[in-house]
């Protein structure tokens, strides 16, 4: 792809940073142990949960250094944030209201600025205490798209390069930008996905494992199966997939797949694979403030 085909400033395009939208990946763990007994988790100092009244002009989850603000969101949105799962991977006893009833949440923590992993654990504790959530991860076989090398010789594309940079293991939560436009740049030790009308038109990242890349494509793409890493590549990479108007394809998903093959040397292959799901055994409507 020619460099001039991509604008540095993206207008009218949703920009999703994995750290801010779903909180940085950590070792998969649950607020309950394998025997279903509650284990102690970090907690917010104050939490307000109210059912949203009417249609809000804005909605979404906003992590910040002292807590979390959520406007007009469902409980499933909160679960996805706290456990870093996509909607299709939340299974079990799921009452209808978790996807229809909307809430406004303000959760605050005093003291030192939060890290992303600590904020996620606090969100899990809030769900356990206020919504009586009982859930844990498990593995299951399912139809998947395997992320594999596109070339028979295993050669990577020009935008998939071994990373030589460094970064903190657990970053501090930062304030999201309030600007109406965002500059397209590779984030520091993270993955960002840029979407237009729901379709992926860019994925960029620093120090990204292939497992994390597959998770980001699963999370932000509109593919009908989860994406799992079967590239055989180990280590961390700097990546950049940019979709331009001159890439052929009947849909935005098809154009993204073409860009991924040309720029990263990766493609999808249909098959069966093992995925992590979050099994919900109990959830109740929130307790009063």
Protein backbone atom coordinates (compact mmCIF):
# COMPACT_ATOMS: atom_id res chain seq x y z
CA UNK A 1 0.00 0.00 0.00
CA UNK A 2 1.28 3.47 -0.83
CA UNK A 3 1.93 5.62 2.23
CA UNK A 4 0.08 8.53 0.66
CA UNK A 5 -3.13 6.54 0.59
CA UNK A 6 -3.54 6.89 4.36
CA UNK A 7 -4.40 10.14 6.15
CA UNK A 8 -2.65 10.81 9.46
CA UNK A 9 -5.80 12.29 10.96
CA UNK A 10 -8.91 10.14 10.83
CA UNK A 11 -12.25 11.97 10.69
CA UNK A 12 -15.57 10.30 11.48
CA UNK A 13 -13.89 7.02 12.37
CA UNK A 14 -14.29 5.22 15.68
CA UNK A 15 -10.96 4.62 17.41
CA UNK A 16 -10.86 1.81 19.96
CA UNK A 17 -7.85 1.32 22.18
CA UNK A 18 -7.73 -2.12 23.76
CA UNK A 19 -6.39 -0.71 27.03
CA UNK A 20 -9.18 1.89 27.33
CA UNK A 21 -12.08 -0.01 25.82
CA UNK A 22 -11.53 -3.40 27.40
CA UNK A 23 -8.66 -2.86 29.86
CA UNK A 24 -5.21 -4.36 29.31
CA UNK A 25 -4.94 -8.15 29.13
CA UNK A 26 -3.86 -9.99 32.26
CA UNK A 27 -3.74 -13.58 33.47
CA UNK A 28 -7.29 -14.95 33.20
CA UNK A 29 -8.73 -15.18 36.66
CA UNK A 30 -12.16 -15.06 38.21
CA UNK A 31 -13.74 -13.51 41.29
CA UNK A 32 -14.48 -17.07 42.39
CA UNK A 33 -12.05 -19.92 42.78
CA UNK A 34 -12.48 -23.41 41.32
CA UNK A 35 -14.72 -24.43 44.23
CA UNK A 36 -17.08 -21.49 43.66
CA UNK A 37 -15.97 -19.78 46.86
CA UNK A 38 -15.53 -16.02 46.80
CA UNK A 39 -11.98 -14.78 46.92
CA UNK A 40 -10.96 -11.35 48.12
CA UNK A 41 -10.62 -8.70 45.39
CA UNK A 42 -9.70 -5.04 45.33
CA UNK A 43 -12.71 -2.74 45.61
CA UNK A 44 -13.75 0.78 44.67
CA UNK A 45 -14.21 3.20 47.58
CA UNK A 46 -17.62 4.34 46.34
CA UNK A 47 -19.99 3.00 43.68
CA UNK A 48 -23.25 4.49 42.37
CA UNK A 49 -25.40 2.35 40.05
CA UNK A 50 -28.68 3.77 38.71
CA UNK A 51 -30.98 2.64 35.96
CA UNK A 52 -30.57 5.01 33.01
CA UNK A 53 -33.55 7.27 32.41
CA UNK A 54 -34.43 7.88 28.76
CA UNK A 55 -32.01 7.94 25.87
CA UNK A 56 -28.67 9.54 26.66
CA UNK A 57 -26.94 11.63 23.96
CA UNK A 58 -23.76 9.76 24.83
CA UNK A 59 -23.04 6.28 26.06
CA UNK A 60 -20.09 4.06 26.79
CA UNK A 61 -17.43 3.06 29.30
CA UNK A 62 -14.80 5.59 30.36
CA UNK A 63 -11.93 4.35 32.54
CA UNK A 64 -9.97 7.12 34.25
CA UNK A 65 -7.12 7.28 36.78
CA UNK A 66 -9.46 7.32 39.80
CA UNK A 67 -12.15 4.92 38.67
CA UNK A 68 -14.76 4.22 36.03
CA UNK A 69 -17.71 6.12 34.58
CA UNK A 70 -20.28 4.25 32.49
CA UNK A 71 -23.21 5.96 30.80
CA UNK A 72 -26.25 4.17 29.39
CA UNK A 73 -24.56 0.75 29.34
CA UNK A 74 -25.83 -2.78 29.84
CA UNK A 75 -24.57 -5.22 32.43
CA UNK A 76 -23.17 -7.26 29.56
CA UNK A 77 -21.04 -4.21 28.66
CA UNK A 78 -19.68 -4.18 32.21
CA UNK A 79 -18.99 -7.92 32.12
CA UNK A 80 -17.14 -7.58 28.82
CA UNK A 81 -14.95 -4.84 30.29
CA UNK A 82 -14.23 -6.61 33.57
CA UNK A 83 -13.40 -10.01 32.03
CA UNK A 84 -12.04 -8.96 28.63
CA UNK A 85 -14.43 -11.16 26.63
CA UNK A 86 -16.58 -10.60 23.58
CA UNK A 87 -20.35 -10.96 23.82
CA UNK A 88 -20.43 -14.33 22.06
CA UNK A 89 -18.08 -15.76 24.72
CA UNK A 90 -20.39 -15.02 27.66
CA UNK A 91 -22.46 -18.16 28.23
CA UNK A 92 -24.63 -19.78 30.89
CA UNK A 93 -27.54 -18.43 32.95
CA UNK A 94 -28.16 -15.13 31.16
CA UNK A 95 -31.45 -13.33 31.90
CA UNK A 96 -32.76 -11.11 29.13
CA UNK A 97 -32.38 -7.88 31.09
CA UNK A 98 -28.56 -8.01 31.00
CA UNK A 99 -28.67 -6.92 27.34
CA UNK A 100 -31.73 -4.63 27.43
CA UNK A 101 -31.71 -2.69 30.70
CA UNK A 102 -29.32 0.30 30.71
CA UNK A 103 -27.42 1.69 33.71
CA UNK A 104 -25.34 4.71 34.67
CA UNK A 105 -22.36 3.78 36.86
CA UNK A 106 -19.90 5.97 38.74
CA UNK A 107 -17.14 4.07 40.57
CA UNK A 108 -14.41 5.95 42.41
CA UNK A 109 -11.13 4.99 44.05
CA UNK A 110 -8.91 7.21 46.17
CA UNK A 111 -5.15 7.10 46.52
CA UNK A 112 -2.70 6.33 43.77
CA UNK A 113 -3.79 6.36 40.11
CA UNK A 114 -5.15 3.01 38.99
CA UNK A 115 -3.42 0.58 36.69
CA UNK A 116 -5.47 -1.15 34.03
CA UNK A 117 -5.29 -4.61 35.61
CA UNK A 118 -6.32 -3.25 39.02
CA UNK A 119 -9.26 -1.39 37.48
CA UNK A 120 -10.44 -4.57 35.84
CA UNK A 121 -10.29 -6.48 39.13
CA UNK A 122 -12.22 -3.67 40.82
CA UNK A 123 -14.89 -3.91 38.13
CA UNK A 124 -15.15 -7.65 38.76
CA UNK A 125 -15.53 -7.04 42.48
CA UNK A 126 -18.29 -4.48 41.81
CA UNK A 127 -20.20 -6.99 39.67
CA UNK A 128 -19.79 -9.66 42.34
CA UNK A 129 -21.00 -7.41 45.16
CA UNK A 130 -23.74 -5.36 43.50
CA UNK A 131 -25.04 -7.80 40.88
CA UNK A 132 -24.29 -11.01 42.81
CA UNK A 133 -22.31 -12.27 39.83
CA UNK A 134 -20.96 -15.81 40.02
CA UNK A 135 -18.86 -16.54 36.95
CA UNK A 136 -15.62 -18.17 35.91
CA UNK A 137 -13.62 -18.93 32.81
CA UNK A 138 -13.67 -22.29 31.09
CA UNK A 139 -12.36 -23.68 27.81
CA UNK A 140 -14.48 -25.21 25.06
CA UNK A 141 -14.21 -26.40 21.48
CA UNK A 142 -15.94 -24.22 18.87
CA UNK A 143 -15.80 -23.24 15.19
CA UNK A 144 -13.05 -20.62 14.77
CA UNK A 145 -11.05 -18.70 12.23
CA UNK A 146 -7.43 -19.69 12.71
CA UNK A 147 -4.97 -16.84 12.17
CA UNK A 148 -2.23 -18.45 10.05
CA UNK A 149 0.67 -17.49 7.78
CA UNK A 150 -0.58 -16.66 4.29
CA UNK A 151 2.55 -17.77 2.40
CA UNK A 152 3.64 -21.36 2.10
CA UNK A 153 7.21 -20.37 2.97
CA UNK A 154 6.05 -18.74 6.23
CA UNK A 155 7.41 -15.31 5.31
CA UNK A 156 5.81 -12.38 7.15
CA UNK A 157 4.56 -9.22 5.48
CA UNK A 158 6.36 -5.85 5.57
CA UNK A 159 4.22 -4.48 8.43
CA UNK A 160 4.83 -7.39 10.81
CA UNK A 161 8.21 -6.86 12.46
CA UNK A 162 9.78 -8.23 15.66
CA UNK A 163 9.58 -5.57 18.34
CA UNK A 164 12.70 -4.20 20.00
CA UNK A 165 11.02 -1.66 22.28
CA UNK A 166 10.20 -1.84 25.98
CA UNK A 167 7.22 -0.83 28.08
CA UNK A 168 5.75 -1.11 31.56
CA UNK A 169 4.14 -4.43 32.42
CA UNK A 170 1.03 -2.75 33.83
CA UNK A 171 0.33 0.75 32.57
CA UNK A 172 -1.43 3.47 34.50
CA UNK A 173 -4.92 4.39 33.38
CA UNK A 174 -4.89 7.65 31.46
CA UNK A 175 -7.63 10.12 30.62
CA UNK A 176 -9.12 9.38 27.17
CA UNK A 177 -8.77 12.17 24.64
CA UNK A 178 -11.71 14.58 24.42
CA UNK A 179 -10.75 15.63 20.88
CA UNK A 180 -13.31 14.96 18.11
CA UNK A 181 -10.51 13.58 15.92
CA UNK A 182 -7.71 11.22 16.75
CA UNK A 183 -4.25 10.98 15.22
CA UNK A 184 -3.46 7.60 13.75
CA UNK A 185 -0.41 6.40 15.62
CA UNK A 186 0.91 3.16 16.97
CA UNK A 187 0.14 3.06 20.71
CA UNK A 188 2.75 2.36 23.32
CA UNK A 189 2.73 -1.41 23.95
CA UNK A 190 -0.92 -1.88 23.08
CA UNK A 191 -3.32 -2.59 20.23
CA UNK A 192 -5.71 -0.04 18.73
CA UNK A 193 -8.49 -0.87 16.28
CA UNK A 194 -9.99 1.77 13.99
CA UNK A 195 -13.50 1.07 12.74
CA UNK A 196 -15.76 2.70 10.17
CA UNK A 197 -19.46 1.77 10.17
CA UNK A 198 -18.61 -1.25 12.30
CA UNK A 199 -15.94 -2.65 9.97
CA UNK A 200 -12.24 -2.73 10.74
CA UNK A 201 -10.18 -0.37 8.61
CA UNK A 202 -6.99 -0.31 10.68
CA UNK A 203 -5.25 -2.26 13.43
CA UNK A 204 -1.97 -0.93 14.83
CA UNK A 205 0.14 -1.94 17.80
CA UNK A 206 3.51 -2.17 19.54
CA UNK A 207 4.90 -5.23 21.34
CA UNK A 208 1.90 -7.33 20.32
CA UNK A 209 1.81 -11.12 20.55
CA UNK A 210 -0.07 -13.02 17.89
CA UNK A 211 -2.52 -14.17 20.55
CA UNK A 212 -3.29 -10.56 21.44
CA UNK A 213 -3.67 -9.63 17.77
CA UNK A 214 -6.17 -12.47 17.30
CA UNK A 215 -8.10 -11.32 20.36
CA UNK A 216 -8.25 -7.73 19.06
CA UNK A 217 -9.56 -8.85 15.67
CA UNK A 218 -12.18 -11.01 17.40
CA UNK A 219 -13.22 -8.15 19.66
CA UNK A 220 -13.48 -5.33 17.17
CA UNK A 221 -14.23 -7.09 13.89
CA UNK A 222 -17.63 -8.29 12.72
CA UNK A 223 -16.60 -11.83 11.88
CA UNK A 224 -19.03 -14.66 12.61
CA UNK A 225 -16.44 -16.76 14.45
CA UNK A 226 -13.77 -15.99 17.04
CA UNK A 227 -10.20 -15.63 15.77
CA UNK A 228 -7.49 -17.74 17.42
CA UNK A 229 -3.74 -17.69 16.91
CA UNK A 230 -2.29 -20.62 14.97
CA UNK A 231 0.56 -18.73 13.30
CA UNK A 232 3.30 -20.53 15.19
CA UNK A 233 4.98 -17.15 15.75
CA UNK A 234 6.32 -16.46 19.24
CA UNK A 235 7.51 -13.21 20.75
CA UNK A 236 6.21 -9.66 20.35
CA UNK A 237 5.75 -7.66 17.17
CA UNK A 238 5.07 -4.15 15.90
CA UNK A 239 2.11 -4.32 13.51
CA UNK A 240 0.19 -2.04 11.19
CA UNK A 241 -2.79 -2.94 8.99
CA UNK A 242 -4.24 0.00 7.03
CA UNK A 243 -7.20 -0.33 4.66
CA UNK A 244 -7.33 2.19 1.80
CA UNK A 245 -9.97 2.88 -0.83
CA UNK A 246 -7.91 1.24 -3.58
CA UNK A 247 -7.99 -2.21 -1.93
CA UNK A 248 -10.54 -4.38 -3.77
CA UNK A 249 -13.33 -6.13 -1.89
CA UNK A 250 -17.10 -6.38 -1.79
CA UNK A 251 -17.26 -5.54 1.93
CA UNK A 252 -15.14 -3.75 4.52
CA UNK A 253 -14.34 -7.14 6.09
CA UNK A 254 -13.07 -8.47 2.74
CA UNK A 255 -10.88 -5.39 2.25
CA UNK A 256 -9.45 -5.78 5.76
CA UNK A 257 -8.58 -9.42 5.08
CA UNK A 258 -6.82 -8.43 1.85
CA UNK A 259 -4.86 -5.71 3.68
CA UNK A 260 -3.93 -8.15 6.45
CA UNK A 261 -2.64 -10.69 3.93
CA UNK A 262 -0.61 -8.11 1.97
CA UNK A 263 0.77 -6.13 4.91
CA UNK A 264 1.20 -8.76 7.66
CA UNK A 265 1.42 -11.94 5.61
CA UNK A 266 -1.46 -13.42 7.65
CA UNK A 267 -4.84 -14.84 6.71
CA UNK A 268 -7.78 -16.83 8.13
CA UNK A 269 -8.48 -20.56 7.86
CA UNK A 270 -11.79 -22.06 9.00
CA UNK A 271 -11.67 -24.90 11.50
CA UNK A 272 -12.22 -26.02 15.07
CA UNK A 273 -10.31 -24.58 18.00
CA UNK A 274 -10.25 -24.12 21.74
CA UNK A 275 -11.58 -20.81 23.06
CA UNK A 276 -11.97 -19.26 26.50
CA UNK A 277 -15.53 -18.45 27.52
CA UNK A 278 -16.98 -16.91 30.66
CA UNK A 279 -19.70 -19.08 32.18
CA UNK A 280 -22.26 -17.16 34.24
CA UNK A 281 -23.96 -19.25 36.90
CA UNK A 282 -25.82 -16.43 38.64
CA UNK A 283 -26.50 -12.73 38.18
CA UNK A 284 -29.13 -10.52 39.82
CA UNK A 285 -30.38 -6.99 39.31
CA UNK A 286 -28.23 -4.51 41.25
CA UNK A 287 -28.60 -3.86 44.94
CA UNK A 288 -29.68 -0.32 45.95
CA UNK A 289 -27.06 2.44 46.34
